């Protein structure tokens, strides 16, 4: 187990003025959480993107609370000393009561350190209710995946001055609700930088340029594990799928040709045990 110290809400808040770039990555399981903690990631995010990368759905919409809690528990076990942010799935926070109940599950059952619904002005009362209940809360604006049906697909937001102003107003609403951080997704870099500069809370970006206070990418994207598609904003820092497929192909080859398993990968038995057992088999045959 790592002896690293878990980042705190205050440290995340302070990154706005300290200049430290916070590094977030979305992880769906125990092993990828272990990787993130070993690498020194500041925050592991249990994103509902796992509906796509771990369950094969075409969007995040099918993610359920049960699915999210199960994965969040695994991530907590894999990264016990890393700040964990649980993303609230589609329609799990559409009323104050539902938001409080489901956010409490992330904190109490899954051991998350904070939760993240999506939305700005329209969700401000929900965000404030969570904060007032003592639940550390962040939010997500710009291209909010839960509103993908409204957009008509995964589309960049804030491409006009008017729509950029709407994102700014959303950001202020999130800040005023008491959230400790917000995420921009798929927003032009200059727009995200200008909005971030207006805020007192830190921002993280995914497809929002370098002007935010931190960055988030999906671990399965940046490591080349998930290869169904590659968003423009994802940089591949490794290609684990290629490594994995090559390894599996070699396994198939060696099993087919009979070279695996060899003696080095098998358990032995003493000759007298083998002889005695063989004698027992012979006697059984004669019965």
Protein backbone atom coordinates (compact mmCIF):
# COMPACT_ATOMS: atom_id res chain seq x y z
CA UNK A 1 0.00 0.00 0.00
CA UNK A 2 1.22 3.48 -0.84
CA UNK A 3 2.17 5.80 2.03
CA UNK A 4 1.24 8.91 0.07
CA UNK A 5 -1.02 11.51 1.65
CA UNK A 6 -4.44 12.01 0.17
CA UNK A 7 -5.06 15.48 -1.29
CA UNK A 8 -7.61 17.57 0.56
CA UNK A 9 -10.47 19.79 -0.54
CA UNK A 10 -8.48 22.78 0.71
CA UNK A 11 -5.43 21.80 -1.34
CA UNK A 12 -7.63 21.50 -4.43
CA UNK A 13 -9.15 24.91 -3.73
CA UNK A 14 -5.69 26.40 -3.12
CA UNK A 15 -4.50 25.22 -6.53
CA UNK A 16 -6.38 28.20 -7.95
CA UNK A 17 -3.83 30.56 -6.44
CA UNK A 18 -0.80 28.32 -5.89
CA UNK A 19 -0.38 27.62 -9.58
CA UNK A 20 -0.11 23.87 -9.04
CA UNK A 21 -1.73 22.05 -11.95
CA UNK A 22 -3.96 19.34 -10.50
CA UNK A 23 -3.99 16.03 -12.38
CA UNK A 24 -7.23 14.05 -12.51
CA UNK A 25 -7.88 10.79 -14.29
CA UNK A 26 -11.03 8.74 -14.64
CA UNK A 27 -10.54 5.12 -13.59
CA UNK A 28 -13.16 2.35 -13.73
CA UNK A 29 -11.65 -0.44 -11.65
CA UNK A 30 -9.26 -1.62 -8.95
CA UNK A 31 -6.23 -2.15 -11.18
CA UNK A 32 -6.40 1.17 -13.03
CA UNK A 33 -6.89 2.89 -9.66
CA UNK A 34 -3.71 1.20 -8.42
CA UNK A 35 -1.87 2.49 -11.49
CA UNK A 36 -3.13 6.04 -10.89
CA UNK A 37 -2.08 6.05 -7.25
CA UNK A 38 1.35 4.62 -8.04
CA UNK A 39 1.83 7.31 -10.72
CA UNK A 40 1.02 10.15 -8.31
CA UNK A 41 -2.30 11.31 -9.81
CA UNK A 42 -3.95 13.90 -7.55
CA UNK A 43 -7.58 12.82 -7.99
CA UNK A 44 -9.10 9.59 -9.26
CA UNK A 45 -12.51 10.12 -10.80
CA UNK A 46 -15.13 7.39 -10.97
CA UNK A 47 -16.73 8.67 -14.15
CA UNK A 48 -19.98 7.41 -15.62
CA UNK A 49 -17.96 7.08 -18.83
CA UNK A 50 -17.39 3.58 -17.44
CA UNK A 51 -20.78 2.73 -18.96
CA UNK A 52 -18.96 3.01 -22.29
CA UNK A 53 -15.43 1.82 -21.56
CA UNK A 54 -16.26 -0.96 -19.10
CA UNK A 55 -19.77 -1.98 -20.18
CA UNK A 56 -19.81 -1.31 -23.92
CA UNK A 57 -22.67 1.18 -24.09
CA UNK A 58 -22.65 3.91 -26.75
CA UNK A 59 -23.08 6.74 -24.21
CA UNK A 60 -22.94 7.40 -20.48
CA UNK A 61 -26.74 7.44 -20.14
CA UNK A 62 -27.16 3.75 -19.17
CA UNK A 63 -24.94 4.12 -16.08
CA UNK A 64 -26.89 3.34 -12.90
CA UNK A 65 -26.20 4.12 -9.26
CA UNK A 66 -25.66 0.42 -8.56
CA UNK A 67 -23.09 0.28 -11.37
CA UNK A 68 -21.35 3.43 -10.13
CA UNK A 69 -21.23 2.33 -6.49
CA UNK A 70 -19.78 -1.06 -7.41
CA UNK A 71 -17.01 0.55 -9.48
CA UNK A 72 -16.39 3.31 -6.92
CA UNK A 73 -15.87 0.72 -4.19
CA UNK A 74 -13.31 -1.06 -6.36
CA UNK A 75 -11.53 2.21 -7.11
CA UNK A 76 -11.41 3.06 -3.40
CA UNK A 77 -9.75 -0.27 -2.66
CA UNK A 78 -7.27 0.27 -5.48
CA UNK A 79 -6.37 3.83 -4.52
CA UNK A 80 -6.93 4.14 -0.76
CA UNK A 81 -4.64 7.17 -0.45
CA UNK A 82 -5.90 9.17 -3.43
CA UNK A 83 -8.76 11.68 -3.41
CA UNK A 84 -11.76 10.01 -5.07
CA UNK A 85 -14.49 11.91 -6.92
CA UNK A 86 -17.71 10.04 -7.71
CA UNK A 87 -19.64 11.20 -10.78
CA UNK A 88 -23.40 11.08 -10.31
CA UNK A 89 -25.05 9.23 -13.21
CA UNK A 90 -27.89 10.33 -15.44
CA UNK A 91 -31.07 11.40 -13.60
CA UNK A 92 -29.60 10.44 -10.20
CA UNK A 93 -29.79 14.09 -9.06
CA UNK A 94 -32.93 15.43 -10.77
CA UNK A 95 -34.55 16.31 -7.41
CA UNK A 96 -32.98 17.52 -4.20
CA UNK A 97 -34.09 14.42 -2.29
CA UNK A 98 -32.76 12.04 -4.94
CA UNK A 99 -29.48 13.95 -5.18
CA UNK A 100 -28.97 13.85 -1.40
CA UNK A 101 -29.77 10.13 -1.20
CA UNK A 102 -27.50 9.17 -4.08
CA UNK A 103 -24.63 11.47 -3.11
CA UNK A 104 -24.78 9.99 0.39
CA UNK A 105 -24.37 6.53 -1.14
CA UNK A 106 -21.18 7.64 -2.92
CA UNK A 107 -19.78 8.99 0.35
CA UNK A 108 -20.99 6.32 2.79
CA UNK A 109 -21.01 3.12 0.72
CA UNK A 110 -18.21 3.77 -1.76
CA UNK A 111 -15.89 5.90 0.37
CA UNK A 112 -15.69 8.75 -2.13
CA UNK A 113 -14.30 12.08 -0.96
CA UNK A 114 -16.64 14.21 -3.09
CA UNK A 115 -19.34 13.95 -5.76
CA UNK A 116 -19.86 15.55 -9.15
CA UNK A 117 -23.27 16.02 -10.80
CA UNK A 118 -23.54 17.99 -14.05
CA UNK A 119 -25.04 21.39 -14.74
CA UNK A 120 -24.89 25.06 -13.84
CA UNK A 121 -27.71 27.54 -13.35
CA UNK A 122 -30.50 25.01 -13.78
CA UNK A 123 -28.91 22.73 -11.19
CA UNK A 124 -27.74 25.40 -8.75
CA UNK A 125 -30.39 24.57 -6.15
CA UNK A 126 -29.36 20.90 -6.27
CA UNK A 127 -25.67 21.76 -5.94
CA UNK A 128 -26.35 24.10 -3.01
CA UNK A 129 -28.45 21.47 -1.24
CA UNK A 130 -25.60 18.98 -1.48
CA UNK A 131 -23.05 21.50 -0.20
CA UNK A 132 -25.38 22.59 2.62
CA UNK A 133 -25.72 18.94 3.62
CA UNK A 134 -21.95 18.77 4.07
CA UNK A 135 -21.21 16.82 0.89
CA UNK A 136 -18.19 18.19 -1.01
CA UNK A 137 -19.54 18.88 -4.49
CA UNK A 138 -18.12 19.78 -7.91
CA UNK A 139 -19.93 20.20 -11.21
CA UNK A 140 -19.47 19.76 -14.95
CA UNK A 141 -20.36 22.25 -17.69
CA UNK A 142 -19.64 22.89 -21.35
CA UNK A 143 -20.39 19.67 -23.17
CA UNK A 144 -22.31 17.85 -20.44
CA UNK A 145 -22.70 14.21 -21.55
CA UNK A 146 -26.05 13.91 -19.74
CA UNK A 147 -27.45 16.47 -22.17
CA UNK A 148 -26.07 14.83 -25.29
CA UNK A 149 -29.58 14.14 -26.61
CA UNK A 150 -30.34 17.86 -26.38
CA UNK A 151 -27.18 18.73 -28.32
CA UNK A 152 -27.84 16.14 -31.01
CA UNK A 153 -24.54 14.42 -30.31
CA UNK A 154 -21.18 15.09 -28.66
CA UNK A 155 -20.59 18.69 -29.79
CA UNK A 156 -18.28 21.52 -28.76
CA UNK A 157 -19.99 24.13 -26.60
CA UNK A 158 -19.23 27.85 -26.33
CA UNK A 159 -18.40 28.44 -29.99
CA UNK A 160 -20.23 31.79 -30.06
CA UNK A 161 -19.84 34.73 -27.68
CA UNK A 162 -23.45 34.29 -26.56
CA UNK A 163 -23.08 30.58 -25.77
CA UNK A 164 -19.76 31.28 -24.07
CA UNK A 165 -21.54 33.79 -21.84
CA UNK A 166 -24.06 31.09 -20.89
CA UNK A 167 -21.18 28.86 -19.79
CA UNK A 168 -19.75 31.76 -17.76
CA UNK A 169 -23.10 32.25 -16.01
CA UNK A 170 -23.24 28.52 -15.33
CA UNK A 171 -19.75 28.70 -13.84
CA UNK A 172 -20.70 31.56 -11.52
CA UNK A 173 -23.81 29.65 -10.43
CA UNK A 174 -21.65 26.64 -9.56
CA UNK A 175 -19.26 28.83 -7.60
CA UNK A 176 -22.09 30.61 -5.79
CA UNK A 177 -23.62 27.25 -4.83
CA UNK A 178 -20.46 26.49 -2.86
CA UNK A 179 -18.84 23.92 -5.15
CA UNK A 180 -15.11 23.46 -4.65
CA UNK A 181 -14.28 22.87 -8.34
CA UNK A 182 -15.79 22.68 -11.80
CA UNK A 183 -14.98 20.82 -14.99
CA UNK A 184 -15.17 22.12 -18.56
CA UNK A 185 -15.61 19.62 -21.37
CA UNK A 186 -15.23 20.36 -25.08
CA UNK A 187 -15.00 24.15 -24.79
CA UNK A 188 -12.68 26.24 -27.01
CA UNK A 189 -9.40 26.80 -25.16
CA UNK A 190 -9.51 30.65 -25.20
CA UNK A 191 -13.10 30.61 -23.86
CA UNK A 192 -12.28 28.20 -21.05
CA UNK A 193 -9.22 30.28 -20.11
CA UNK A 194 -11.23 33.51 -19.94
CA UNK A 195 -13.96 31.92 -17.83
CA UNK A 196 -11.44 30.27 -15.51
CA UNK A 197 -9.76 33.64 -14.94
CA UNK A 198 -13.08 35.09 -13.73
CA UNK A 199 -13.56 32.44 -11.06
CA UNK A 200 -12.32 31.98 -7.51
CA UNK A 201 -12.67 28.19 -7.61
CA UNK A 202 -10.31 25.98 -9.61
CA UNK A 203 -11.26 24.55 -12.98
CA UNK A 204 -10.22 21.36 -14.70
CA UNK A 205 -10.52 20.74 -18.38
CA UNK A 206 -11.03 17.90 -20.81
CA UNK A 207 -10.83 19.24 -24.31
CA UNK A 208 -10.69 22.77 -22.90
CA UNK A 209 -7.06 23.73 -23.47
CA UNK A 210 -4.24 24.60 -21.10
CA UNK A 211 -5.84 27.65 -19.48
CA UNK A 212 -7.66 25.67 -16.79
CA UNK A 213 -6.22 24.95 -13.34
CA UNK A 214 -5.89 21.24 -13.98
CA UNK A 215 -6.57 18.49 -16.49
CA UNK A 216 -8.58 15.30 -16.65
CA UNK A 217 -8.42 12.43 -19.12
CA UNK A 218 -9.85 8.94 -19.01
CA UNK A 219 -7.10 6.53 -18.02
CA UNK A 220 -8.36 3.99 -20.56
CA UNK A 221 -8.11 6.67 -23.27
CA UNK A 222 -4.67 8.01 -22.43
CA UNK A 223 -3.25 4.50 -22.00
CA UNK A 224 -4.73 3.22 -25.25
CA UNK A 225 -6.92 0.64 -23.53
CA UNK A 226 -10.24 1.85 -24.97
CA UNK A 227 -9.88 2.05 -28.74
CA UNK A 228 -13.46 2.18 -30.07
CA UNK A 229 -12.79 5.83 -30.85
CA UNK A 230 -10.31 8.54 -29.88
CA UNK A 231 -11.55 12.04 -29.00
CA UNK A 232 -9.50 14.92 -30.44
CA UNK A 233 -8.54 16.01 -26.92
CA UNK A 234 -7.06 12.64 -25.94
CA UNK A 235 -3.32 12.16 -26.20
CA UNK A 236 -2.17 8.56 -26.17
CA UNK A 237 0.66 8.23 -23.66
CA UNK A 238 0.79 4.45 -24.10
CA UNK A 239 -0.82 1.77 -26.26
CA UNK A 240 -1.77 -0.99 -23.86
CA UNK A 241 -4.26 -2.60 -26.25
CA UNK A 242 -1.48 -3.34 -28.74
CA UNK A 243 0.66 -4.80 -25.95
CA UNK A 244 -2.27 -6.83 -24.61
CA UNK A 245 -3.32 -8.24 -28.00
CA UNK A 246 0.27 -9.17 -28.80
CA UNK A 247 0.54 -10.98 -25.48
CA UNK A 248 -2.72 -12.84 -26.02
CA UNK A 249 -1.69 -13.83 -29.55
CA UNK A 250 1.53 -15.31 -28.16
CA UNK A 251 -0.49 -17.19 -25.52
CA UNK A 252 -2.80 -18.61 -28.20
CA UNK A 253 0.21 -19.66 -30.31
CA UNK A 254 2.02 -21.43 -27.46
CA UNK A 255 -1.06 -23.29 -26.25
CA UNK A 256 -1.88 -24.41 -29.79
CA UNK A 257 1.66 -25.69 -30.42
CA UNK A 258 1.91 -27.32 -26.98
CA UNK A 259 4.83 -25.27 -25.65
CA UNK A 260 2.76 -23.79 -22.81
CA UNK A 261 2.55 -24.71 -20.03
CA UNK A 262 6.10 -26.04 -19.64
CA UNK A 263 7.77 -27.38 -16.48
CA UNK A 264 8.57 -23.87 -15.27
CA UNK A 265 4.85 -23.06 -15.19
CA UNK A 266 3.56 -26.36 -13.77
CA UNK A 267 3.50 -27.93 -10.30
CA UNK A 268 5.46 -31.15 -9.84
CA UNK A 269 4.92 -34.19 -7.63
CA UNK A 270 7.43 -36.62 -6.14
CA UNK A 271 7.93 -39.81 -8.20
CA UNK A 272 6.77 -42.11 -5.39
CA UNK A 273 3.45 -40.20 -5.14
CA UNK A 274 2.98 -40.48 -8.90
CA UNK A 275 3.83 -44.21 -8.83
CA UNK A 276 1.48 -44.87 -5.92
CA UNK A 277 -1.33 -43.00 -7.62
CA UNK A 278 -0.74 -44.89 -10.88
CA UNK A 279 -0.99 -48.18 -8.98
CA UNK A 280 -4.30 -47.05 -7.50
CA UNK A 281 -5.60 -46.27 -10.99
CA UNK A 282 -4.55 -49.75 -12.18
CA UNK A 283 -6.36 -51.42 -9.24
CA UNK A 284 -9.48 -49.34 -9.91
CA UNK A 285 -9.53 -50.48 -13.52
CA UNK A 286 -9.57 -54.13 -12.37
CA UNK A 287 -12.65 -53.70 -10.17
